[in-house]
Protein backbone atom coordinates (compact mmCIF):
# COMPACT_ATOMS: atom_id res chain seq x y z
CA MET A 1 -0.03 -0.05 -0.03
CA ASP A 2 1.30 3.43 -0.88
CA THR A 3 0.89 6.12 1.72
CA TYR A 4 0.74 9.67 0.92
CA LEU A 5 2.34 11.83 3.63
CA GLU A 6 1.92 15.58 3.30
CA PRO A 7 3.95 18.03 5.34
CA GLY A 8 1.52 17.73 8.47
CA ARG A 9 1.76 13.98 8.08
CA GLU A 10 5.44 13.82 7.67
CA THR A 11 5.84 15.95 10.86
CA ALA A 12 3.48 13.53 12.56
CA ARG A 13 5.37 10.50 11.20
CA GLU A 14 8.70 11.89 12.46
CA PHE A 15 7.04 12.70 15.82
CA PHE A 16 5.99 8.97 16.18
CA ARG A 17 9.40 7.76 15.07
CA ARG A 18 11.25 9.71 17.74
CA SER A 19 8.61 8.76 20.39
CA ILE A 20 9.15 5.06 19.49
CA ARG A 21 12.96 5.37 19.40
CA HIS A 22 13.15 7.08 22.73
CA GLY A 23 10.50 4.96 24.47
CA ARG A 24 8.16 7.94 24.96
CA LEU A 25 5.11 6.64 23.27
CA ALA A 26 1.93 7.63 25.03
CA HIS A 27 -0.84 5.10 25.67
CA ALA A 28 -3.53 7.17 23.65
CA TYR A 29 -3.57 9.57 20.70
CA ILE A 30 -6.38 11.37 18.82
CA LEU A 31 -5.48 11.60 15.17
CA ILE A 32 -7.19 14.64 13.63
CA GLY A 33 -7.82 15.01 9.89
CA PRO A 34 -10.69 15.85 7.53
CA GLU A 35 -13.08 13.31 6.23
CA GLY A 36 -11.50 11.36 3.35
CA SER A 37 -7.86 12.11 4.37
CA ARG A 38 -6.97 8.40 4.87
CA LYS A 39 -6.42 8.64 8.64
CA ILE A 40 -6.93 4.87 8.77
CA ASP A 41 -3.88 4.28 6.46
CA PHE A 42 -1.76 6.50 8.79
CA ALA A 43 -2.90 4.55 11.82
CA LEU A 44 -2.21 1.14 10.19
CA GLU A 45 1.18 2.22 9.12
CA LEU A 46 1.87 3.22 12.80
CA ALA A 47 0.53 -0.16 13.79
CA LYS A 48 2.87 -1.91 11.48
CA THR A 49 5.79 0.09 12.71
CA LEU A 50 5.02 -1.00 16.22
CA MET A 51 4.44 -4.66 15.28
CA CYS A 52 7.06 -5.21 12.62
CA GLU A 53 10.30 -7.02 13.84
CA SER A 54 11.87 -7.23 10.36
CA GLY A 55 12.65 -3.64 9.82
CA CYS A 56 10.33 -3.10 6.85
CA LYS A 57 10.54 0.38 5.36
CA PRO A 58 7.48 2.79 5.97
CA GLY A 59 4.78 1.98 3.37
CA ALA A 60 6.16 -1.44 2.59
CA VAL A 61 4.31 -4.70 3.30
CA SER A 62 7.10 -7.18 2.92
CA CYS A 63 7.07 -9.25 6.13
CA ALA A 64 4.28 -11.59 7.39
CA VAL A 65 3.61 -9.34 10.29
CA CYS A 66 3.15 -6.29 8.17
CA ARG A 67 0.77 -8.31 5.82
CA GLN A 68 -1.31 -9.31 8.82
CA VAL A 69 -1.72 -5.79 9.94
CA GLU A 70 -2.41 -4.65 6.43
CA SER A 71 -5.16 -7.31 5.95
CA GLY A 72 -6.76 -6.75 9.32
CA ASN A 73 -5.83 -10.16 10.49
CA HIS A 74 -3.29 -9.41 13.12
CA PRO A 75 -4.71 -10.65 16.47
CA ASP A 76 -3.11 -7.72 18.48
CA VAL A 77 -4.42 -4.97 16.17
CA ARG A 78 -8.16 -4.20 16.42
CA ILE A 79 -10.10 -1.72 14.34
CA ILE A 80 -13.39 -0.56 15.80
CA ALA A 81 -15.70 1.31 13.29
CA PRO A 82 -19.48 2.15 12.94
CA ALA A 83 -21.28 -0.85 11.55
CA SER A 84 -22.83 1.18 8.72
CA ALA A 85 -21.80 4.37 6.80
CA GLY A 86 -22.81 7.43 8.70
CA GLY A 87 -23.46 5.31 11.77
CA ARG A 88 -22.28 5.53 15.33
CA VAL A 89 -19.66 3.64 17.20
CA VAL A 90 -21.86 2.07 19.99
CA ILE A 91 -21.20 0.80 23.47
CA ASP A 92 -21.00 -2.85 22.55
CA ASP A 93 -18.09 -2.01 20.35
CA THR A 94 -16.11 -0.20 22.89
CA ARG A 95 -17.12 -2.53 25.78
CA GLU A 96 -15.54 -5.35 23.76
CA MET A 97 -12.48 -3.22 23.26
CA ARG A 98 -12.29 -2.59 26.94
CA ARG A 99 -12.38 -6.43 27.64
CA LEU A 100 -9.77 -7.23 25.07
CA ALA A 101 -7.43 -4.42 26.24
CA TYR A 102 -6.69 -6.22 29.56
CA LEU A 103 -6.06 -9.63 28.05
CA ALA A 104 -2.59 -10.97 27.28
CA ARG A 105 -1.06 -10.29 23.86
CA PHE A 106 -1.17 -12.96 21.25
CA GLN A 107 2.07 -12.50 19.45
CA GLY A 108 3.09 -8.83 19.08
CA PRO A 109 5.17 -6.60 21.32
CA CYS A 110 2.11 -4.51 22.12
CA LYS A 111 -1.54 -4.18 21.39
CA VAL A 112 -3.05 -1.45 19.20
CA PHE A 113 -6.75 -0.42 19.25
CA ILE A 114 -7.86 1.90 16.32
CA VAL A 115 -11.27 3.54 16.65
CA SER A 116 -12.33 4.89 13.37
CA GLN A 117 -14.72 7.84 13.31
CA ALA A 118 -14.16 8.25 17.17
CA ASP A 119 -15.96 11.54 17.05
CA ARG A 120 -19.10 9.48 16.18
CA MET A 121 -18.91 7.46 19.36
CA THR A 122 -22.08 7.55 21.48
CA GLU A 123 -21.49 9.13 25.03
CA ALA A 124 -21.95 5.67 26.45
CA ALA A 125 -19.27 4.19 24.18
CA GLN A 126 -16.88 7.02 25.01
CA ASN A 127 -17.35 6.18 28.75
CA GLN A 128 -16.14 2.73 28.01
CA VAL A 129 -13.08 4.10 26.27
CA LEU A 130 -12.50 6.43 29.15
CA LYS A 131 -12.33 3.69 31.67
CA VAL A 132 -9.40 2.11 29.65
CA LEU A 133 -7.70 5.53 29.40
CA GLU A 134 -8.11 6.01 33.19
CA GLU A 135 -6.36 2.66 33.94
CA PRO A 136 -4.35 2.15 30.73
CA PRO A 137 -2.95 -1.46 30.38
CA GLU A 138 0.80 -1.84 29.70
CA ASN A 139 2.07 -2.05 26.19
CA THR A 140 -1.24 -0.89 24.60
CA VAL A 141 -1.77 2.00 22.25
CA ILE A 142 -5.22 3.45 21.49
CA LEU A 143 -5.54 5.57 18.36
CA LEU A 144 -8.83 7.58 18.10
CA LEU A 145 -9.33 8.90 14.48
CA ALA A 146 -11.54 11.91 14.16
CA ALA A 147 -12.40 14.76 11.76
CA SER A 148 -12.55 17.10 14.76
CA LEU A 149 -12.58 17.17 18.55
CA ALA A 150 -16.21 18.48 18.60
CA GLY A 151 -17.75 14.94 18.88
CA LEU A 152 -15.53 13.81 21.92
CA VAL A 153 -16.13 14.42 25.53
CA GLU A 154 -13.59 16.55 27.27
CA THR A 155 -12.49 13.86 29.64
CA VAL A 156 -11.55 11.55 26.76
CA ILE A 157 -9.66 14.54 25.04
CA SER A 158 -7.76 15.39 28.27
CA ARG A 159 -6.30 11.80 28.51
CA CYS A 160 -4.91 11.70 24.88
CA ALA A 161 -2.20 13.36 22.95
CA VAL A 162 -3.71 15.14 19.94
CA VAL A 163 -1.90 14.93 16.64
CA ARG A 164 -3.15 16.94 13.59
CA LEU A 165 -2.45 15.13 10.36
CA GLY A 166 -3.81 17.88 7.99
CA ARG A 167 -5.30 17.44 4.51
CA LEU A 168 -4.02 15.48 1.51
CA SER A 169 -2.69 17.71 -1.22
CA ARG A 170 -4.51 18.07 -4.61
CA GLU A 171 -1.68 16.10 -6.18
CA SER A 172 -1.99 13.15 -3.72
CA VAL A 173 -5.72 13.04 -4.28
CA GLN A 174 -5.19 13.02 -7.99
CA SER A 175 -2.60 10.31 -7.91
CA GLU A 176 -4.78 8.02 -5.78
CA LEU A 177 -7.73 8.53 -8.01
CA ALA A 178 -5.64 7.98 -11.18
CA ARG A 179 -4.44 4.68 -9.68
CA GLN A 180 -8.02 3.47 -9.57
CA ASP A 181 -8.24 3.91 -13.38
CA GLU A 182 -12.03 4.26 -13.02
CA PHE A 183 -12.63 7.81 -14.32
CA PRO A 184 -11.41 10.00 -17.19
CA ALA A 185 -8.18 11.90 -16.37
CA GLU A 186 -9.78 15.26 -17.01
CA GLN A 187 -12.63 14.69 -14.55
CA VAL A 188 -10.12 13.12 -12.06
CA ALA A 189 -7.96 16.47 -12.30
CA TRP A 190 -11.17 18.59 -11.71
CA ALA A 191 -12.49 16.53 -8.86
CA ALA A 192 -8.95 16.67 -7.18
CA ARG A 193 -8.99 20.46 -7.42
CA LEU A 194 -12.43 20.45 -5.60
CA SER A 195 -11.59 17.67 -3.17
CA ARG A 196 -10.36 19.85 -0.23
CA GLY A 197 -7.95 17.20 0.54
CA SER A 198 -10.67 14.41 0.76
CA ILE A 199 -10.32 11.39 -1.53
CA SER A 200 -13.79 10.26 -0.50
CA ARG A 201 -15.30 13.75 -1.39
CA ALA A 202 -13.52 13.49 -4.85
CA GLU A 203 -14.85 10.08 -5.40
CA ARG A 204 -18.36 11.19 -4.42
CA LEU A 205 -18.20 13.94 -6.95
CA LEU A 206 -16.95 11.62 -9.76
CA ARG A 207 -19.67 8.98 -9.06
CA ALA A 208 -22.35 11.62 -9.14
CA ASP A 209 -21.07 12.90 -12.54
CA ALA A 210 -20.55 16.29 -10.87
CA ALA A 211 -18.33 17.60 -13.81
CA GLU A 212 -21.30 17.34 -16.22
CA PHE A 213 -23.66 18.77 -13.55
CA ASN A 214 -21.34 21.78 -13.08
CA ASN A 215 -21.47 22.44 -16.76
CA LEU A 216 -25.22 22.24 -16.79
CA VAL A 217 -25.51 24.63 -13.86
CA ALA A 218 -23.28 27.22 -15.52
CA GLY A 219 -25.17 26.82 -18.64
CA ALA A 220 -28.58 27.31 -16.91
CA ILE A 221 -27.46 30.53 -15.18
CA ILE A 222 -26.01 31.93 -18.43
CA SER A 223 -29.13 31.07 -20.36
CA ASP A 224 -31.58 33.79 -21.39
CA ALA A 225 -34.54 31.45 -21.53
CA PRO A 226 -37.52 32.64 -19.56
CA ASP A 227 -37.64 29.46 -17.43
CA ALA A 228 -33.83 29.32 -16.84
CA ASP A 229 -34.39 29.78 -13.03
CA MET A 230 -36.63 26.71 -12.97
CA ALA A 231 -34.09 24.89 -14.98
CA LEU A 232 -31.42 25.67 -12.42
CA ALA A 233 -33.79 24.58 -9.55
CA ASP A 234 -34.41 21.22 -11.25
CA LEU A 235 -30.74 20.59 -11.74
CA LEU A 236 -30.10 21.25 -7.99
CA LYS A 237 -32.93 19.00 -7.04
CA GLY A 238 -31.86 16.24 -9.50
CA PHE A 239 -28.30 16.07 -8.29
CA SER A 240 -29.32 14.65 -4.92
CA SER A 241 -31.67 11.97 -6.53
CA ALA A 242 -28.85 9.52 -6.65
CA GLY A 243 -28.96 9.37 -2.88
CA ARG A 244 -30.09 6.02 -1.53
CA ASP A 245 -31.55 7.52 1.66
CA ASN A 246 -32.48 10.88 3.17
CA ARG A 247 -29.01 11.42 4.63
CA GLN A 248 -27.21 10.76 1.29
CA ARG A 249 -29.70 13.14 -0.55
CA ARG A 250 -28.79 15.86 1.92
CA VAL A 251 -25.07 15.22 1.45
CA LEU A 252 -25.38 15.43 -2.28
CA THR A 253 -27.62 18.66 -2.02
CA ILE A 254 -25.02 20.28 0.00
CA GLU A 255 -22.45 19.23 -2.53
CA ALA A 256 -24.63 20.70 -5.36
CA PHE A 257 -24.89 24.09 -3.55
CA ASP A 258 -21.05 23.92 -2.95
CA LEU A 259 -20.47 23.42 -6.81
CA LEU A 260 -22.70 26.46 -7.53
CA ALA A 261 -20.69 28.47 -4.95
CA THR A 262 -17.50 27.35 -6.70
CA LEU A 263 -18.64 28.52 -9.96
CA LEU A 264 -19.46 31.96 -8.65
CA ARG A 265 -16.18 32.08 -6.79
CA ASP A 266 -14.31 31.48 -9.99
CA ALA A 267 -16.28 34.07 -11.74
CA LEU A 268 -15.29 36.58 -8.99
CA ILE A 269 -11.61 35.55 -9.30
CA ILE A 270 -11.74 36.39 -12.97
CA GLN A 271 -13.36 39.79 -12.20
CA LEU A 272 -10.71 40.61 -9.69
CA ASP A 273 -7.88 39.48 -11.98
CA ILE A 274 -6.41 37.12 -9.44
CA ALA A 275 -3.86 34.61 -10.46
CA SER A 276 -5.43 31.85 -12.64
CA GLU A 277 -4.00 28.95 -10.46
CA ASN A 278 -6.59 29.97 -7.88
CA LEU A 279 -9.42 28.78 -10.23
CA TYR A 280 -11.20 25.44 -9.61
CA ASN A 281 -12.94 25.11 -12.93
CA VAL A 282 -10.76 26.70 -15.63
CA VAL A 283 -7.28 27.88 -16.30
CA VAL A 284 -7.13 31.32 -17.74
CA SER A 285 -4.50 31.97 -20.42
CA ASP A 286 -2.08 34.59 -19.45
CA GLU A 287 -2.32 36.07 -22.93
CA LYS A 288 -6.02 36.67 -22.59
CA ARG A 289 -6.93 37.96 -19.07
CA ASP A 290 -9.82 39.95 -20.38
CA ALA A 291 -12.96 38.17 -19.22
CA ALA A 292 -15.01 39.98 -22.02
CA ALA A 293 -12.93 38.15 -24.70
CA ARG A 294 -13.57 34.65 -23.11
CA SER A 295 -16.14 32.26 -24.46
CA ASP A 296 -16.00 29.52 -21.68
CA ASN A 297 -18.73 29.43 -19.15
CA ILE A 298 -16.82 30.90 -16.22
CA GLY A 299 -15.79 33.88 -18.38
CA ARG A 300 -19.46 34.44 -19.40
CA LEU A 301 -20.66 34.04 -15.73
CA SER A 302 -18.10 36.73 -14.68
CA LEU A 303 -19.93 39.29 -16.99
CA LEU A 304 -23.31 38.36 -15.46
CA PHE A 305 -22.76 39.53 -11.87
CA ALA A 306 -21.21 42.46 -10.19
CA PRO A 307 -18.51 41.43 -7.52
CA ASP A 308 -20.97 42.72 -4.75
CA ASP A 309 -23.66 40.37 -6.08
CA ILE A 310 -21.39 37.34 -5.91
CA LEU A 311 -20.26 38.44 -2.31
CA ASP A 312 -23.88 38.54 -1.35
CA LEU A 313 -24.64 35.13 -2.95
CA LEU A 314 -21.71 33.20 -1.36
CA PRO A 315 -22.91 33.56 2.29
CA ALA A 316 -26.44 32.97 1.14
CA ILE A 317 -25.52 29.61 -0.34
CA ALA A 318 -23.62 28.69 2.86
CA ASP A 319 -26.77 29.56 4.79
CA MET A 320 -28.80 27.31 2.52
CA GLN A 321 -26.20 24.39 3.11
CA ARG A 322 -26.77 24.84 6.82
CA ARG A 323 -30.51 24.67 6.28
CA VAL A 324 -30.17 21.46 4.41
CA ASP A 325 -28.22 19.94 7.21
CA GLN A 326 -31.04 21.08 9.58
CA ASN A 327 -33.44 18.79 7.60
CA LEU A 328 -35.45 21.52 5.91
CA ASN A 329 -37.15 20.67 2.71
CA ILE A 330 -34.72 20.17 -0.12
CA GLU A 331 -37.02 21.02 -3.00
CA LEU A 332 -38.07 24.30 -1.24
CA LEU A 333 -34.38 25.23 -0.64
CA CYS A 334 -33.40 24.55 -4.26
CA ASP A 335 -36.26 26.68 -5.56
CA CYS A 336 -35.28 29.60 -3.09
CA LEU A 337 -31.64 29.42 -4.06
CA SER A 338 -32.31 29.39 -7.68
CA GLN A 339 -34.56 32.44 -7.31
CA ARG A 340 -31.92 34.20 -5.23
CA VAL A 341 -29.26 33.68 -8.01
CA PHE A 342 -31.48 34.98 -10.78
CA GLU A 343 -32.60 37.96 -8.69
CA HIS A 344 -28.85 38.96 -8.59
CA LYS A 345 -28.48 38.20 -12.18
CA MET A 346 -31.40 40.42 -13.12
CA LYS A 347 -30.09 43.17 -10.78
CA ALA A 348 -26.73 43.30 -12.50
CA ALA A 349 -28.29 43.26 -16.02
CA PRO A 350 -27.81 46.51 -18.00
């Protein structure tokens, strides 16, 4: 398995190397990183370092012990995760962890417990972890993986060392997606730019055909058709239809609103003549910085709104995203947002 280590991760990696070398490893860590940043890969690499007795290089899986850890079959390395996507780590999971923590090791020099999505543990589940943290067994390392500290109780946080791994770079996300050889290279590059360091977000965008949706949204806003606002609303509603349940629909609706905001942000960048490398959707030629001369959708969008209109729309879109998360009616929010966009478009029209 190839592991991508960004500056934040390399610092964390060196921190753990020194801690192990000097015998200063703590009994519990919280590894903080955004959703989709492969925290589990980092945790498994650390587990291999602790278990390996053959001196395998980081990222290599050459000895039998490393292969056991990599495949999830090492008896002294346990991964605790929600039973379903978007689920919670429940008390039964961490109660079993607590029981196993005080049993003798099977074959390794220590035991490692990895709690994936630890910030989604129920309070009762966290209380079981807390009991282990209060009386930590010897030669045991607990790794709590979380997107933030927000979901963890203060007593758990206070008994752990917090290590921030940071985001993956755009290049790392693109390399990982290219390895999968599942999507066209142009779409992969686009999704990596919008990933915010999250491979899972980039994959979600690609599977939802977000690149095509992006083009259709820009086209709807540019259109002079009398029902263009309704077309935009229908596009926003339709993007979430791939969601299998209410939660997935809301995630995709938030993504749809975010893509709209990104289009407007790029239009604003062109208006303000900011360096083209800051664009998500297009690369502006240095020879043709005049937006009026551009024929692509982003250039045309930049002519339809005044900068103040875009600066008004961006927080409005963020507010709509919060409302989606609060379980408000998706169809109504899409209608309202579309109307808001076209109100600003009409306001800026000569």
